[in-house]
N, C-alpha and C. Protein backbone atom coordinates (compact mmCIF):
# COMPACT_ATOMS: atom_id res chain seq x y z
N MET A 1 102.63 -171.14 59.07
CA MET A 1 101.40 -172.27 58.64
C MET A 1 100.81 -173.03 58.02
N ARG A 2 100.40 -174.07 58.73
CA ARG A 2 100.28 -175.04 57.17
C ARG A 2 99.02 -174.74 56.24
N ASP A 3 99.44 -175.59 55.46
CA ASP A 3 98.34 -175.54 54.20
C ASP A 3 97.52 -176.27 53.94
N ARG A 4 96.71 -175.50 54.15
CA ARG A 4 95.15 -176.22 54.27
C ARG A 4 94.42 -177.25 53.12
N ARG A 5 95.02 -177.20 52.27
CA ARG A 5 95.07 -178.71 50.87
C ARG A 5 95.45 -179.42 51.27
N LEU A 6 95.99 -178.80 51.83
CA LEU A 6 97.31 -180.79 51.92
C LEU A 6 97.01 -180.82 53.37
N LEU A 7 96.02 -180.48 54.03
CA LEU A 7 95.87 -181.09 55.76
C LEU A 7 94.23 -181.99 55.01
N GLY A 8 93.63 -180.68 53.86
CA GLY A 8 92.94 -181.54 53.61
C GLY A 8 93.28 -183.13 52.81
N TYR A 9 93.80 -182.86 51.69
CA TYR A 9 94.40 -184.28 50.96
C TYR A 9 94.88 -185.05 52.03
N ALA A 10 95.24 -184.85 53.01
CA ALA A 10 95.94 -186.49 54.04
C ALA A 10 94.93 -186.16 54.74
N ARG A 11 94.03 -185.69 55.51
CA ARG A 11 92.83 -186.56 55.34
C ARG A 11 91.81 -187.16 54.34
N GLN A 12 92.20 -187.56 53.33
CA GLN A 12 91.03 -187.58 52.38
C GLN A 12 92.20 -189.63 52.78
N MET A 13 93.63 -189.19 52.42
CA MET A 13 94.56 -190.31 52.71
C MET A 13 94.30 -191.44 53.18
N ARG A 14 94.27 -190.86 54.27
CA ARG A 14 93.59 -191.21 55.76
C ARG A 14 92.70 -192.41 55.62
N ARG A 15 91.73 -191.81 54.39
CA ARG A 15 89.92 -193.05 54.66
C ARG A 15 90.77 -194.17 53.17
N GLU A 16 91.61 -193.57 52.16
CA GLU A 16 91.52 -194.27 51.93
C GLU A 16 92.67 -195.15 51.17
N MET A 17 93.06 -195.16 52.74
CA MET A 17 94.92 -195.79 52.53
C MET A 17 94.70 -197.78 51.31
N THR A 18 95.74 -197.87 51.69
CA THR A 18 96.37 -198.98 50.13
C THR A 18 96.15 -200.27 50.90
N PRO A 19 95.85 -201.28 50.90
CA PRO A 19 95.49 -202.44 51.81
C PRO A 19 97.36 -202.99 52.26
N ALA A 20 98.22 -202.93 51.71
CA ALA A 20 99.34 -202.37 52.22
C ALA A 20 99.33 -201.31 53.16
N GLU A 21 99.60 -199.85 53.52
CA GLU A 21 98.95 -198.87 54.26
C GLU A 21 98.56 -199.53 55.32
N GLN A 22 97.23 -200.38 54.96
CA GLN A 22 96.27 -200.39 56.51
C GLN A 22 97.16 -201.59 57.38
N ARG A 23 98.03 -202.93 56.36
CA ARG A 23 98.50 -203.57 57.05
C ARG A 23 99.72 -203.51 57.87
N LEU A 24 100.45 -201.76 57.64
CA LEU A 24 101.48 -201.90 58.51
C LEU A 24 100.96 -200.99 59.00
N TRP A 25 99.83 -199.89 59.40
CA TRP A 25 99.21 -198.92 60.09
C TRP A 25 98.66 -199.80 61.32
N TYR A 26 98.51 -201.05 61.03
CA TYR A 26 98.34 -201.54 61.98
C TYR A 26 98.83 -202.40 63.43
N ALA A 27 100.39 -202.05 62.72
CA ALA A 27 101.38 -202.58 63.65
C ALA A 27 101.85 -201.99 64.10
N LEU A 28 101.81 -200.69 63.53
CA LEU A 28 102.19 -199.65 63.77
C LEU A 28 101.89 -198.56 65.03
N ARG A 29 100.58 -198.58 65.39
CA ARG A 29 99.55 -197.29 65.62
C ARG A 29 99.72 -197.94 66.80
N ALA A 30 99.16 -196.66 67.62
CA ALA A 30 98.96 -196.71 68.87
C ALA A 30 99.86 -197.23 69.57
N LYS A 31 101.48 -196.65 68.87
CA LYS A 31 102.88 -197.02 70.51
C LYS A 31 102.46 -199.05 70.35
N ARG A 32 102.30 -199.18 68.96
CA ARG A 32 102.12 -201.15 69.63
C ARG A 32 103.95 -201.40 68.72
N PHE A 33 104.61 -200.37 68.03
CA PHE A 33 105.93 -201.79 67.86
C PHE A 33 106.51 -200.82 68.64
N GLU A 34 107.36 -201.41 69.74
CA GLU A 34 108.65 -200.76 69.74
C GLU A 34 108.47 -199.49 70.84
N GLY A 35 107.09 -199.18 71.34
CA GLY A 35 106.37 -198.49 71.69
C GLY A 35 106.71 -197.23 71.60
N VAL A 36 106.64 -196.96 70.21
CA VAL A 36 106.89 -195.58 68.85
C VAL A 36 106.03 -195.09 68.62
N ARG A 37 106.47 -194.18 69.01
CA ARG A 37 104.62 -193.43 68.07
C ARG A 37 104.81 -192.72 66.71
N PHE A 38 103.43 -193.45 66.05
CA PHE A 38 103.44 -193.14 64.47
C PHE A 38 101.87 -192.51 64.52
N ARG A 39 102.34 -191.51 62.47
CA ARG A 39 101.65 -190.90 62.72
C ARG A 39 101.33 -191.32 61.41
N ARG A 40 99.92 -191.43 60.67
CA ARG A 40 99.57 -191.69 59.31
C ARG A 40 99.80 -190.74 58.55
N GLN A 41 100.08 -190.74 56.93
CA GLN A 41 99.30 -189.63 55.70
C GLN A 41 99.51 -188.05 56.64
N THR A 42 100.36 -187.88 57.38
CA THR A 42 101.20 -186.87 58.27
C THR A 42 101.61 -185.79 57.27
N VAL A 43 101.62 -184.77 57.00
CA VAL A 43 102.19 -182.77 56.48
C VAL A 43 103.79 -182.99 57.08
N LEU A 44 104.24 -183.02 56.75
CA LEU A 44 105.77 -182.58 56.68
C LEU A 44 106.57 -181.75 55.86
N GLY A 45 106.32 -180.31 56.11
CA GLY A 45 107.12 -179.36 55.55
C GLY A 45 106.06 -179.16 53.69
N SER A 46 106.12 -179.63 53.01
CA SER A 46 105.05 -179.33 51.84
C SER A 46 104.79 -180.77 50.92
N TYR A 47 104.88 -181.80 52.21
CA TYR A 47 104.91 -183.39 51.86
C TYR A 47 103.62 -183.42 52.72
N ILE A 48 103.72 -185.16 52.33
CA ILE A 48 102.65 -186.26 52.92
C ILE A 48 103.15 -186.69 53.21
N VAL A 49 103.81 -187.62 54.01
CA VAL A 49 104.15 -188.91 54.28
C VAL A 49 103.41 -189.66 54.87
N ASP A 50 103.43 -191.06 53.94
CA ASP A 50 102.74 -192.47 54.66
C ASP A 50 102.75 -192.20 56.36
N PHE A 51 104.12 -192.70 56.30
CA PHE A 51 104.54 -192.87 58.57
C PHE A 51 104.99 -191.90 59.38
N ALA A 52 105.16 -191.48 59.28
CA ALA A 52 106.38 -191.08 60.42
C ALA A 52 106.31 -190.61 62.25
N SER A 53 107.67 -190.58 62.66
CA SER A 53 107.84 -190.88 64.29
C SER A 53 108.44 -189.32 64.60
N ARG A 54 107.95 -188.55 64.44
CA ARG A 54 108.56 -187.34 64.98
C ARG A 54 109.88 -187.54 66.28
N SER A 55 109.67 -188.40 67.16
CA SER A 55 110.31 -188.84 68.43
C SER A 55 111.12 -189.66 67.45
N GLN A 56 111.47 -190.01 66.75
CA GLN A 56 112.56 -190.96 65.68
C GLN A 56 112.70 -190.27 64.63
N MET A 57 112.89 -189.09 64.25
CA MET A 57 112.71 -188.71 63.40
C MET A 57 113.06 -189.14 61.97
N LEU A 58 111.73 -190.05 62.13
CA LEU A 58 111.75 -191.41 61.21
C LEU A 58 110.25 -191.12 59.48
N VAL A 59 110.29 -191.54 58.27
CA VAL A 59 109.93 -191.47 57.71
C VAL A 59 109.75 -192.55 57.06
N ILE A 60 108.81 -192.91 57.14
CA ILE A 60 107.92 -194.93 56.38
C ILE A 60 106.74 -194.26 54.96
N GLU A 61 107.56 -194.91 54.17
CA GLU A 61 107.16 -194.40 53.23
C GLU A 61 106.63 -196.47 52.18
N VAL A 62 105.25 -196.23 52.12
CA VAL A 62 104.85 -197.64 51.19
C VAL A 62 104.39 -197.46 50.02
N ASP A 63 105.42 -198.05 48.22
CA ASP A 63 105.07 -197.51 47.35
C ASP A 63 104.67 -197.88 46.37
N GLY A 64 103.07 -198.13 46.02
CA GLY A 64 102.85 -198.71 45.67
C GLY A 64 103.03 -198.81 43.50
N ASP A 65 102.86 -199.39 42.48
CA ASP A 65 102.20 -199.33 41.25
C ASP A 65 103.30 -197.75 40.61
N THR A 66 101.61 -196.89 41.42
CA THR A 66 102.23 -195.20 40.96
C THR A 66 103.58 -194.25 40.85
N HIS A 67 104.49 -195.00 42.01
CA HIS A 67 106.17 -194.81 41.86
C HIS A 67 106.85 -195.03 41.23
N ALA A 68 106.52 -196.36 40.38
CA ALA A 68 107.25 -196.52 39.27
C ALA A 68 107.83 -195.93 38.68
N GLY A 69 108.74 -194.90 38.15
CA GLY A 69 108.93 -193.82 36.37
C GLY A 69 108.74 -192.71 37.54
N ARG A 70 108.71 -192.29 38.40
CA ARG A 70 109.09 -191.38 39.81
C ARG A 70 110.62 -191.29 40.35
N GLU A 71 111.56 -191.94 40.13
CA GLU A 71 112.49 -192.16 40.83
C GLU A 71 113.76 -190.63 41.13
N ARG A 72 113.01 -190.17 40.35
CA ARG A 72 113.76 -188.71 40.25
C ARG A 72 113.19 -187.50 41.57
N HIS A 73 111.57 -187.87 41.46
CA HIS A 73 111.04 -186.90 42.52
C HIS A 73 111.33 -187.45 43.34
N ASP A 74 111.48 -188.89 44.33
CA ASP A 74 110.83 -189.65 45.10
C ASP A 74 112.67 -189.46 45.79
N ALA A 75 113.63 -189.47 44.65
CA ALA A 75 114.74 -188.98 45.82
C ALA A 75 114.62 -187.68 45.68
N ALA A 76 113.99 -186.09 44.99
CA ALA A 76 113.86 -185.00 45.49
C ALA A 76 113.52 -184.94 47.63
N ARG A 77 112.39 -185.05 47.22
CA ARG A 77 111.05 -185.79 48.64
C ARG A 77 112.99 -185.49 49.53
N ASP A 78 112.76 -187.07 49.45
CA ASP A 78 113.89 -187.44 50.73
C ASP A 78 114.90 -186.99 50.80
N ARG A 79 115.92 -186.42 49.80
CA ARG A 79 116.68 -185.58 50.59
C ARG A 79 115.86 -184.45 51.36
N ALA A 80 114.99 -183.90 50.19
CA ALA A 80 113.93 -182.77 51.02
C ALA A 80 114.08 -182.91 52.86
N LEU A 81 112.85 -184.47 53.02
CA LEU A 81 112.92 -184.27 54.53
C LEU A 81 114.00 -184.33 54.63
N HIS A 82 115.32 -185.25 53.98
CA HIS A 82 116.51 -185.51 55.18
C HIS A 82 116.35 -183.99 55.04
N GLY A 83 116.65 -182.79 54.93
CA GLY A 83 117.02 -181.70 55.41
C GLY A 83 116.67 -181.59 56.11
N MET A 84 114.98 -182.01 57.15
CA MET A 84 114.27 -181.66 58.28
C MET A 84 115.09 -182.19 59.45
N GLY A 85 116.03 -183.01 58.85
CA GLY A 85 116.48 -184.09 59.96
C GLY A 85 115.73 -185.67 59.71
N PHE A 86 114.64 -185.93 58.81
CA PHE A 86 114.24 -187.27 59.26
C PHE A 86 115.07 -188.48 58.29
N ARG A 87 114.70 -189.33 58.39
CA ARG A 87 115.47 -190.51 58.06
C ARG A 87 113.97 -191.37 57.79
N VAL A 88 115.19 -191.76 55.92
CA VAL A 88 113.31 -192.45 54.94
C VAL A 88 114.16 -193.36 55.30
N LEU A 89 112.42 -194.78 55.29
CA LEU A 89 112.84 -195.71 54.66
C LEU A 89 111.41 -196.46 53.67
N ARG A 90 111.96 -196.53 52.32
CA ARG A 90 110.92 -197.26 51.46
C ARG A 90 110.58 -198.43 51.86
N PHE A 91 109.64 -199.02 50.82
CA PHE A 91 109.33 -200.58 51.16
C PHE A 91 108.32 -200.14 49.95
N ALA A 92 108.26 -201.51 49.06
CA ALA A 92 107.32 -201.64 48.38
C ALA A 92 106.06 -202.44 48.75
N ASN A 93 104.95 -201.84 47.92
CA ASN A 93 103.73 -203.16 48.14
C ASN A 93 103.84 -203.78 48.88
N SER A 94 104.76 -204.58 47.41
CA SER A 94 104.52 -206.11 47.24
C SER A 94 105.55 -205.87 48.69
N ASP A 95 106.35 -205.96 49.34
CA ASP A 95 107.30 -205.80 50.47
C ASP A 95 106.32 -205.69 51.69
N VAL A 96 105.46 -205.07 52.38
CA VAL A 96 104.89 -205.02 53.38
C VAL A 96 103.60 -206.32 52.97
N MET A 97 103.13 -206.90 51.92
CA MET A 97 102.23 -207.88 51.27
C MET A 97 102.59 -209.23 51.83
N GLY A 98 104.41 -208.81 51.56
CA GLY A 98 104.12 -210.43 50.80
C GLY A 98 105.57 -211.04 52.28
N ASN A 99 106.57 -210.37 52.36
CA ASN A 99 107.83 -210.43 53.61
C ASN A 99 107.65 -209.04 54.21
N PHE A 100 106.72 -209.49 55.34
CA PHE A 100 105.95 -208.36 56.17
C PHE A 100 107.46 -208.08 57.95
N GLU A 101 107.05 -209.50 57.77
CA GLU A 101 108.53 -209.67 58.78
C GLU A 101 109.90 -208.59 58.85
N SER A 102 110.37 -209.28 57.32
CA SER A 102 111.42 -208.35 57.24
C SER A 102 110.91 -207.49 57.23
N VAL A 103 110.14 -206.98 56.36
CA VAL A 103 109.84 -204.55 56.86
C VAL A 103 109.63 -204.33 58.52
N LEU A 104 109.27 -205.02 59.36
CA LEU A 104 109.29 -204.51 60.86
C LEU A 104 110.40 -205.17 61.56
N GLY A 105 111.54 -205.68 60.44
CA GLY A 105 112.92 -205.63 61.26
C GLY A 105 113.61 -204.83 61.00
N ALA A 106 113.33 -204.16 59.47
CA ALA A 106 114.11 -203.12 59.27
C ALA A 106 113.45 -201.72 60.09
N ILE A 107 112.10 -201.40 60.65
CA ILE A 107 111.74 -200.70 60.53
C ILE A 107 111.98 -200.61 62.17
N GLY A 108 112.70 -201.90 62.70
CA GLY A 108 112.90 -201.66 63.73
C GLY A 108 113.93 -201.57 64.64
N GLU A 109 115.24 -201.71 63.94
CA GLU A 109 116.78 -201.52 63.12
C GLU A 109 116.59 -200.00 63.09
N ALA A 110 116.23 -199.63 61.99
CA ALA A 110 116.12 -198.00 62.26
C ALA A 110 116.25 -197.16 63.89
N ILE A 111 114.34 -198.14 63.82
CA ILE A 111 114.16 -197.59 65.24
C ILE A 111 115.64 -197.18 66.49
N ARG A 112 116.26 -199.40 66.09
CA ARG A 112 116.66 -198.90 67.83
C ARG A 112 118.38 -197.97 67.05
N GLN A 113 118.78 -197.37 65.68
CA GLN A 113 120.08 -196.53 65.29
C GLN A 113 119.27 -195.32 65.71
N ALA A 114 117.95 -195.00 65.85
CA ALA A 114 117.85 -193.02 65.94
C ALA A 114 118.72 -192.81 66.51
N PRO A 115 118.91 -191.43 65.96
CA PRO A 115 120.17 -190.49 66.72
C PRO A 115 120.01 -189.82 68.05
N LEU A 116 120.80 -189.53 68.51
CA LEU A 116 120.64 -189.41 69.95
C LEU A 116 119.68 -188.26 70.09
N PRO A 117 118.51 -187.93 70.62
CA PRO A 117 118.07 -186.55 70.87
C PRO A 117 118.54 -185.12 70.90
N GLY A 118 118.25 -184.23 70.24
CA GLY A 118 118.64 -182.88 69.95
C GLY A 118 118.72 -181.84 69.01
N PRO A 119 118.99 -180.78 68.93
CA PRO A 119 118.21 -179.60 68.01
C PRO A 119 118.31 -180.72 66.82
N LEU A 120 117.12 -179.37 65.74
CA LEU A 120 117.72 -180.40 64.31
C LEU A 120 118.81 -179.07 63.65
N PRO A 121 120.34 -180.07 62.66
CA PRO A 121 120.83 -179.10 62.07
C PRO A 121 119.71 -177.93 61.28
């Protein structure tokens, strides 16, 4: 069963997206990018991830200044998501805002390298 507190917080985060998250969401939403469906601010296990594609088993995180000094936490989070079978891409807000085409290129490359569908480990 899903944690109602997490679901409520994810809903709030959808309403309060950062400019970088908004920019990336505009490119990813409604299967606009490579025909892949992404969800924003969605709950996976005990985490809320910025963007996720279940069909590609891909999570995209956009990290702002609040992630400075949280490298150990982020690494543990990434390991947990990997344990669920997800690949994780992380981009800084500054990359999304200043190097958008490269960010999209990296996401496209990850989609093209998607693992074959099958059961999760």
